[in-house]
Structures are given as structure tokens and as C-alpha cells.
Amino acid sequence: MKLIVGLGNPGKKYETQRHNLGFMVIDRLAEEYAISLNLTKCKALYGKGNIEGETTLLVKPQTYMNLSGESVVCLKQFYKVELEDILVLSDDLNIDFSRIRIRKSGSDGGHNGLKSITQCLGGNNYARMRLGIGLPREGSDVSNYVLSQFRKDEMDALNDFIEQAKNAVVTIIAHSIDKGMNEYSS
């Protein structure tokens, strides 16, 4: 079983903010593979279905970003998912907008959602897909930036970016993280 976790903040007002890019990719996967995100457990909204022959959980923690690890560790334990079968999707300031970086493990890079997951799992040996949102303009507040809407010029490319990230997740599920890294990491 694969556990694919998109990071974001719950609630209508956060839906289209940069910090919710992980949720946006989960929604695209759910739509494409007809997986209804209607289950609730472990402070998460999720759905269970089949992607390319693999039983897959698509997860959107409902704890707010800083406590995402609570949902991940709870679902991992409940469904007895192996660490190597977890993939976390998060926004990343240090990557240019619309670029993807996939790793088998690594640091949290200052991302509070990844920091929470690493703490709750007791280590950083889980795969992650970082979705570039770029840096704020000089002098801008980082918190305000990640909670802001995408600019008009970014909105034009956002749909293609989400589609590319969805395809990367499918490649990882169907083949391997290595193939995903080779084909999609910028």
C-alpha cells in the first residue's frame, strides 16, 4: 500500500494558496483515478483507491501544516504502511516556481510540515516531492508569501505544473522513486 500525503492547510480560505500546493496535487490524483476523498481518520481527510495497480491512500492532513506528522504517523500505523511506501508532497520556497525536486529522504529544509512528519516518524527516511513556489520578493514576509495566492502569471502555468506533479507521483507509484527522480526532478 502506498501512502501519498499532500501538505496544506484545511479550510476554504486556504484552498488556492501557495502553501496548499500538496493538497492541489492530491485533488488532481483523486479526480483522475476516481478516488473519493471522503474518509476521515487520524485528523486527516483521505481516500483509498487504486493507482496503476497499487492500493493507494491519498491523504490531506487536517491538522494545519505544523502538525501534519500526527496524521501521517497515525495512518502509517493504522494501515501498516512501510516507510519506503510513503511519499510527501510539499511546497518549497527554495525551488523556482513550477520546478519539482524528488528525494528518497532528506532534511526538512525549514518546512514546518516536513519538520513535523520527521519528528513524528522518528527520522527523515521517507520520500518527498518538493514543489517549487519560488522566493518572495526581497523584503517580503515569508509567512505572508506562502499564505498568498499565486500571481496572475503563475496562475497561467499552475494547471500544467499540477499535472506534471501528478504524473510524477504516478510514475513513482507505477515504477519507482528512482524513475520519478530521473524523469521529473529539475
Protein backbone atom coordinates (compact mmCIF):
# COMPACT_ATOMS: atom_id res chain seq x y z
CA MET A 1 0.00 0.00 0.00
CA LYS A 2 1.21 3.49 -0.89
CA LEU A 3 0.60 6.49 1.36
CA ILE A 4 0.67 9.71 -0.68
CA VAL A 5 0.39 12.78 1.55
CA GLY A 6 -0.19 16.28 0.23
CA LEU A 7 0.59 19.06 2.67
CA GLY A 8 -1.61 22.10 3.11
CA ASN A 9 -3.96 23.84 5.47
CA PRO A 10 -7.63 22.85 5.80
CA GLY A 11 -10.43 25.26 5.04
CA LYS A 12 -11.85 27.14 2.10
CA LYS A 13 -9.79 30.30 2.67
CA TYR A 14 -6.52 28.37 2.20
CA GLU A 15 -7.55 26.33 -0.87
CA THR A 16 -5.68 28.27 -3.53
CA GLN A 17 -2.70 29.49 -1.52
CA ARG A 18 0.90 28.56 -2.31
CA HIS A 19 1.19 26.52 0.89
CA ASN A 20 -1.61 24.23 -0.34
CA LEU A 21 0.12 23.00 -3.47
CA GLY A 22 0.36 19.50 -1.97
CA PHE A 23 -3.42 19.43 -1.48
CA MET A 24 -3.91 20.56 -5.09
CA VAL A 25 -1.90 17.62 -6.43
CA ILE A 26 -3.80 15.17 -4.19
CA ASP A 27 -7.08 16.60 -5.53
CA ARG A 28 -5.87 16.10 -9.13
CA LEU A 29 -4.87 12.50 -8.41
CA ALA A 30 -8.22 11.83 -6.74
CA GLU A 31 -10.07 13.26 -9.73
CA GLU A 32 -8.00 11.36 -12.31
CA TYR A 33 -8.29 7.99 -10.55
CA ALA A 34 -11.86 8.42 -9.22
CA ILE A 35 -10.74 8.19 -5.60
CA SER A 36 -13.25 9.85 -3.33
CA LEU A 37 -11.61 11.84 -0.54
CA ASN A 38 -14.41 11.12 1.89
CA LEU A 39 -12.79 9.12 4.68
CA THR A 40 -11.74 10.68 7.98
CA LYS A 41 -9.36 9.17 10.49
CA CYS A 42 -6.22 10.33 12.25
CA LYS A 43 -7.11 14.01 11.81
CA ALA A 44 -6.97 13.55 8.03
CA LEU A 45 -9.26 13.61 5.03
CA TYR A 46 -8.34 10.79 2.69
CA GLY A 47 -9.43 8.30 0.10
CA LYS A 48 -8.43 4.75 -0.70
CA GLY A 49 -8.20 3.51 -4.26
CA ASN A 50 -6.10 2.02 -6.98
CA ILE A 51 -3.42 3.84 -8.96
CA GLU A 52 -1.63 1.82 -11.62
CA GLY A 53 -2.37 -1.48 -9.85
CA GLU A 54 -1.26 -0.29 -6.41
CA THR A 55 -3.60 0.20 -3.45
CA THR A 56 -3.09 3.85 -2.59
CA LEU A 57 -4.17 6.22 0.15
CA LEU A 58 -4.41 9.87 -0.91
CA VAL A 59 -4.15 11.97 2.24
CA LYS A 60 -4.77 15.61 3.17
CA PRO A 61 -3.94 16.15 6.87
CA GLN A 62 -6.48 18.41 8.55
CA THR A 63 -4.21 19.45 11.42
CA TYR A 64 -2.75 22.56 9.79
CA MET A 65 0.73 22.41 8.38
CA ASN A 66 2.75 22.46 11.61
CA LEU A 67 1.15 19.26 12.94
CA SER A 68 0.97 17.20 9.72
CA GLY A 69 3.11 14.46 11.24
CA GLU A 70 0.32 13.44 13.62
CA SER A 71 -1.87 12.35 10.69
CA VAL A 72 0.95 10.68 8.79
CA VAL A 73 2.23 8.53 11.66
CA CYS A 74 -1.32 7.57 12.71
CA LEU A 75 -2.30 6.43 9.19
CA LYS A 76 1.06 4.69 8.71
CA GLN A 77 0.47 2.68 11.86
CA PHE A 78 -3.23 2.01 11.25
CA TYR A 79 -2.69 0.72 7.70
CA LYS A 80 0.74 -0.81 8.47
CA VAL A 81 2.40 1.13 5.64
CA GLU A 82 6.14 0.68 5.23
CA LEU A 83 8.29 3.81 5.46
CA GLU A 84 9.52 3.33 1.88
CA ASP A 85 5.89 3.44 0.67
CA ILE A 86 5.30 6.99 1.96
CA LEU A 87 5.58 9.99 -0.36
CA VAL A 88 5.02 13.52 0.96
CA LEU A 89 4.22 16.43 -1.39
CA SER A 90 5.09 19.89 -0.13
CA ASP A 91 5.60 23.41 -1.41
CA ASP A 92 9.18 24.72 -1.38
CA LEU A 93 10.39 28.33 -1.34
CA ASN A 94 13.92 27.46 -2.39
CA ILE A 95 12.89 25.95 -5.72
CA ASP A 96 11.79 28.08 -8.65
CA PHE A 97 8.08 28.11 -9.40
CA SER A 98 6.89 25.04 -11.35
CA ARG A 99 10.06 23.01 -10.68
CA ILE A 100 9.96 19.65 -8.92
CA ARG A 101 12.59 18.02 -6.73
CA ILE A 102 12.14 14.40 -5.65
CA ARG A 103 14.28 12.73 -2.99
CA LYS A 104 14.24 9.38 -1.16
CA SER A 105 15.00 11.16 2.12
CA GLY A 106 16.48 14.40 3.34
CA SER A 107 16.18 17.40 5.56
CA ASP A 108 13.01 19.36 6.20
CA GLY A 109 14.56 22.42 4.55
CA GLY A 110 12.85 24.63 7.11
CA HIS A 111 9.38 23.43 6.06
CA ASN A 112 7.24 23.06 9.17
CA GLY A 113 5.07 20.30 7.72
CA LEU A 114 8.11 18.17 6.86
CA LYS A 115 9.63 19.01 10.24
CA SER A 116 6.50 17.66 11.98
CA ILE A 117 6.48 14.49 9.87
CA THR A 118 10.18 13.85 10.51
CA GLN A 119 9.67 14.32 14.24
CA CYS A 120 6.60 12.04 14.40
CA LEU A 121 8.16 9.31 12.24
CA GLY A 122 11.39 9.48 14.23
CA GLY A 123 13.55 10.19 11.20
CA ASN A 124 13.70 11.59 7.70
CA ASN A 125 13.87 8.35 5.68
CA TYR A 126 10.67 8.92 3.74
CA ALA A 127 10.34 10.13 0.16
CA ARG A 128 9.35 13.68 -0.57
CA MET A 129 8.40 15.66 -3.63
CA ARG A 130 9.12 19.35 -3.26
CA LEU A 131 7.03 21.61 -5.45
CA GLY A 132 8.66 24.94 -6.22
CA ILE A 133 6.82 28.13 -5.36
CA GLY A 134 9.89 30.39 -5.61
CA LEU A 135 11.08 33.02 -3.18
CA PRO A 136 9.10 36.09 -2.17
CA ARG A 137 10.24 39.44 -3.43
CA GLU A 138 13.06 40.91 -1.36
CA GLY A 139 11.79 42.44 1.85
CA SER A 140 8.54 40.44 1.78
CA ASP A 141 7.45 38.37 4.77
CA VAL A 142 7.85 34.63 4.12
CA SER A 143 4.73 33.68 6.12
CA ASN A 144 2.57 36.10 4.18
CA TYR A 145 4.08 34.86 0.93
CA VAL A 146 3.35 31.15 1.46
CA LEU A 147 -0.19 32.05 2.51
CA SER A 148 -0.73 34.24 -0.54
CA GLN A 149 -2.50 33.44 -3.79
CA PHE A 150 -0.49 32.68 -6.90
CA ARG A 151 0.21 35.70 -9.14
CA LYS A 152 -1.60 36.03 -12.47
CA ASP A 153 1.49 34.96 -14.45
CA GLU A 154 1.82 31.88 -12.21
CA MET A 155 -1.88 31.01 -12.48
CA ASP A 156 -1.44 30.61 -16.22
CA ALA A 157 1.15 27.86 -15.62
CA LEU A 158 -0.31 26.35 -12.42
CA ASN A 159 -2.56 23.79 -14.12
CA ASP A 160 0.35 22.36 -16.12
CA PHE A 161 2.54 22.32 -13.00
CA ILE A 162 -0.06 20.36 -11.00
CA GLU A 163 -0.48 17.95 -13.93
CA GLN A 164 3.29 17.41 -14.11
CA ALA A 165 3.44 16.75 -10.34
CA LYS A 166 0.52 14.31 -10.64
CA ASN A 167 2.34 12.46 -13.43
CA ALA A 168 5.48 12.29 -11.29
CA VAL A 169 3.52 10.71 -8.43
CA VAL A 170 2.00 8.15 -10.82
CA THR A 171 5.47 7.31 -12.18
CA ILE A 172 6.75 6.74 -8.64
CA ILE A 173 3.78 4.51 -7.78
CA ALA A 174 3.89 2.54 -11.04
CA HIS A 175 7.66 2.21 -11.35
CA SER A 176 9.97 3.57 -8.65
CA ILE A 177 11.18 6.68 -6.89
CA ASP A 178 14.37 6.43 -8.95
CA LYS A 179 12.42 6.65 -12.20
CA GLY A 180 10.43 9.57 -10.79
CA MET A 181 13.63 11.38 -9.81
CA ASN A 182 15.21 10.77 -13.22
CA GLU A 183 12.19 11.93 -15.21
CA TYR A 184 10.81 14.80 -13.11
CA SER A 185 13.40 16.30 -10.77
CA SER A 186 14.52 19.65 -12.11
